[in-house]
């Protein structure tokens, strides 16, 4: 493994896990809002953004509590991915 590999900090992982699903939800909501303002019909590509959004939000909802538990217990959560850090 390269010496330049640095494990992400837990705060960065949490921030990304919160910001990314929220950003995706805003984009999907804006898509539906734009279609309504334009008076355009909602087509299949519009409706397929909903399952895609669920696919983004669901893992964040599952992993969030587990990650928070690891941080609360002060466990070294990065050793599994970056064993050379010890």
C-alpha atoms as a PDB file:
ATOM      1  CA  UNK A   1       0.000   0.000   0.000  1.00  0.00           C
ATOM      2  CA  UNK A   2       1.203   3.466  -0.805  1.00  0.00           C
ATOM      3  CA  UNK A   3       2.415   5.799   1.922  1.00  0.00           C
ATOM      4  CA  UNK A   4       0.088   8.486   0.621  1.00  0.00           C
ATOM      5  CA  UNK A   5      -3.080   6.608   1.606  1.00  0.00           C
ATOM      6  CA  UNK A   6      -4.820   8.362   4.466  1.00  0.00           C
ATOM      7  CA  UNK A   7      -7.898   6.992   6.190  1.00  0.00           C
ATOM      8  CA  UNK A   8     -10.916   9.270   6.061  1.00  0.00           C
ATOM      9  CA  UNK A   9     -11.834  10.828   9.362  1.00  0.00           C
ATOM     10  CA  UNK A  10     -15.074   9.678  10.971  1.00  0.00           C
ATOM     11  CA  UNK A  11     -16.459  13.204  10.768  1.00  0.00           C
ATOM     12  CA  UNK A  12     -15.895  13.237   6.991  1.00  0.00           C
ATOM     13  CA  UNK A  13     -17.692   9.917   6.611  1.00  0.00           C
ATOM     14  CA  UNK A  14     -20.646  11.139   8.668  1.00  0.00           C
ATOM     15  CA  UNK A  15     -20.787  14.430   6.778  1.00  0.00           C
ATOM     16  CA  UNK A  16     -20.820  12.653   3.429  1.00  0.00           C
ATOM     17  CA  UNK A  17     -23.424  10.192   4.684  1.00  0.00           C
ATOM     18  CA  UNK A  18     -25.704  13.091   5.620  1.00  0.00           C
ATOM     19  CA  UNK A  19     -25.014  15.552   2.806  1.00  0.00           C
ATOM     20  CA  UNK A  20     -25.118  13.148  -0.143  1.00  0.00           C
ATOM     21  CA  UNK A  21     -28.622  11.724   0.479  1.00  0.00           C
ATOM     22  CA  UNK A  22     -29.980  15.204   1.260  1.00  0.00           C
ATOM     23  CA  UNK A  23     -28.490  16.595  -1.939  1.00  0.00           C
ATOM     24  CA  UNK A  24     -29.987  13.736  -3.934  1.00  0.00           C
ATOM     25  CA  UNK A  25     -33.407  14.325  -2.359  1.00  0.00           C
ATOM     26  CA  UNK A  26     -33.239  18.019  -3.254  1.00  0.00           C
ATOM     27  CA  UNK A  27     -32.346  17.226  -6.859  1.00  0.00           C
ATOM     28  CA  UNK A  28     -35.252  14.771  -7.192  1.00  0.00           C
ATOM     29  CA  UNK A  29     -37.671  17.254  -5.612  1.00  0.00           C
ATOM     30  CA  UNK A  30     -36.469  20.002  -7.961  1.00  0.00           C
ATOM     31  CA  UNK A  31     -36.983  17.708 -10.920  1.00  0.00           C
ATOM     32  CA  UNK A  32     -40.635  17.129  -9.995  1.00  0.00           C
ATOM     33  CA  UNK A  33     -41.114  20.824  -9.190  1.00  0.00           C
ATOM     34  CA  UNK A  34     -39.659  21.851 -12.556  1.00  0.00           C
ATOM     35  CA  UNK A  35     -41.928  19.461 -14.429  1.00  0.00           C
ATOM     36  CA  UNK A  36     -44.945  20.869 -12.592  1.00  0.00           C
ATOM     37  CA  UNK A  37     -43.968  24.506 -13.277  1.00  0.00           C
ATOM     38  CA  UNK A  38     -43.391  23.711 -16.958  1.00  0.00           C
ATOM     39  CA  UNK A  39     -46.715  21.922 -17.163  1.00  0.00           C
ATOM     40  CA  UNK A  40     -44.967  18.871 -18.557  1.00  0.00           C
ATOM     41  CA  UNK A  41     -46.199  15.349 -17.982  1.00  0.00           C
ATOM     42  CA  UNK A  42     -44.271  13.092 -15.638  1.00  0.00           C
ATOM     43  CA  UNK A  43     -42.747  10.310 -17.699  1.00  0.00           C
ATOM     44  CA  UNK A  44     -40.992   7.078 -16.800  1.00  0.00           C
ATOM     45  CA  UNK A  45     -37.587   8.712 -16.387  1.00  0.00           C
ATOM     46  CA  UNK A  46     -39.074  11.042 -13.779  1.00  0.00           C
ATOM     47  CA  UNK A  47     -40.653   8.231 -11.788  1.00  0.00           C
ATOM     48  CA  UNK A  48     -37.471   6.152 -11.901  1.00  0.00           C
ATOM     49  CA  UNK A  49     -35.685   8.822  -9.895  1.00  0.00           C
ATOM     50  CA  UNK A  50     -37.737   7.768  -6.843  1.00  0.00           C
ATOM     51  CA  UNK A  51     -36.330   4.200  -6.619  1.00  0.00           C
ATOM     52  CA  UNK A  52     -32.884   5.643  -7.323  1.00  0.00           C
ATOM     53  CA  UNK A  53     -33.317   8.051  -4.428  1.00  0.00           C
ATOM     54  CA  UNK A  54     -34.405   5.201  -2.155  1.00  0.00           C
ATOM     55  CA  UNK A  55     -31.292   3.303  -3.202  1.00  0.00           C
ATOM     56  CA  UNK A  56     -29.150   6.257  -2.090  1.00  0.00           C
ATOM     57  CA  UNK A  57     -30.983   7.048   1.151  1.00  0.00           C
ATOM     58  CA  UNK A  58     -31.542   3.509   2.450  1.00  0.00           C
ATOM     59  CA  UNK A  59     -27.868   2.564   2.968  1.00  0.00           C
ATOM     60  CA  UNK A  60     -27.239   5.882   4.702  1.00  0.00           C
ATOM     61  CA  UNK A  61     -30.155   5.207   7.036  1.00  0.00           C
ATOM     62  CA  UNK A  62     -28.871   1.700   7.810  1.00  0.00           C
ATOM     63  CA  UNK A  63     -25.207   2.601   8.265  1.00  0.00           C
ATOM     64  CA  UNK A  64     -25.713   5.821  10.182  1.00  0.00           C
ATOM     65  CA  UNK A  65     -26.700   4.279  13.532  1.00  0.00           C
ATOM     66  CA  UNK A  66     -24.006   1.617  13.248  1.00  0.00           C
ATOM     67  CA  UNK A  67     -21.311   4.179  12.545  1.00  0.00           C
ATOM     68  CA  UNK A  68     -22.502   6.369  15.398  1.00  0.00           C
ATOM     69  CA  UNK A  69     -22.314   3.363  17.740  1.00  0.00           C
ATOM     70  CA  UNK A  70     -18.739   2.652  16.680  1.00  0.00           C
ATOM     71  CA  UNK A  71     -17.788   6.267  17.258  1.00  0.00           C
ATOM     72  CA  UNK A  72     -19.512   6.318  20.646  1.00  0.00           C
ATOM     73  CA  UNK A  73     -17.600   3.188  21.673  1.00  0.00           C
ATOM     74  CA  UNK A  74     -14.392   4.798  20.368  1.00  0.00           C
ATOM     75  CA  UNK A  75     -13.477   1.748  18.307  1.00  0.00           C
ATOM     76  CA  UNK A  76     -10.819   1.896  15.645  1.00  0.00           C
ATOM     77  CA  UNK A  77     -13.133   1.561  12.659  1.00  0.00           C
ATOM     78  CA  UNK A  78     -10.504   2.094   9.956  1.00  0.00           C
ATOM     79  CA  UNK A  79      -8.223  -0.832  10.723  1.00  0.00           C
ATOM     80  CA  UNK A  80     -10.329  -3.186   8.585  1.00  0.00           C
ATOM     81  CA  UNK A  81      -9.884  -1.023   5.477  1.00  0.00           C
ATOM     82  CA  UNK A  82      -6.401   0.331   6.164  1.00  0.00           C
ATOM     83  CA  UNK A  83      -4.463  -2.272   8.170  1.00  0.00           C
ATOM     84  CA  UNK A  84      -1.136  -0.446   7.602  1.00  0.00           C
ATOM     85  CA  UNK A  85      -2.249   2.507   9.702  1.00  0.00           C
ATOM     86  CA  UNK A  86      -1.433   0.855  13.020  1.00  0.00           C
END
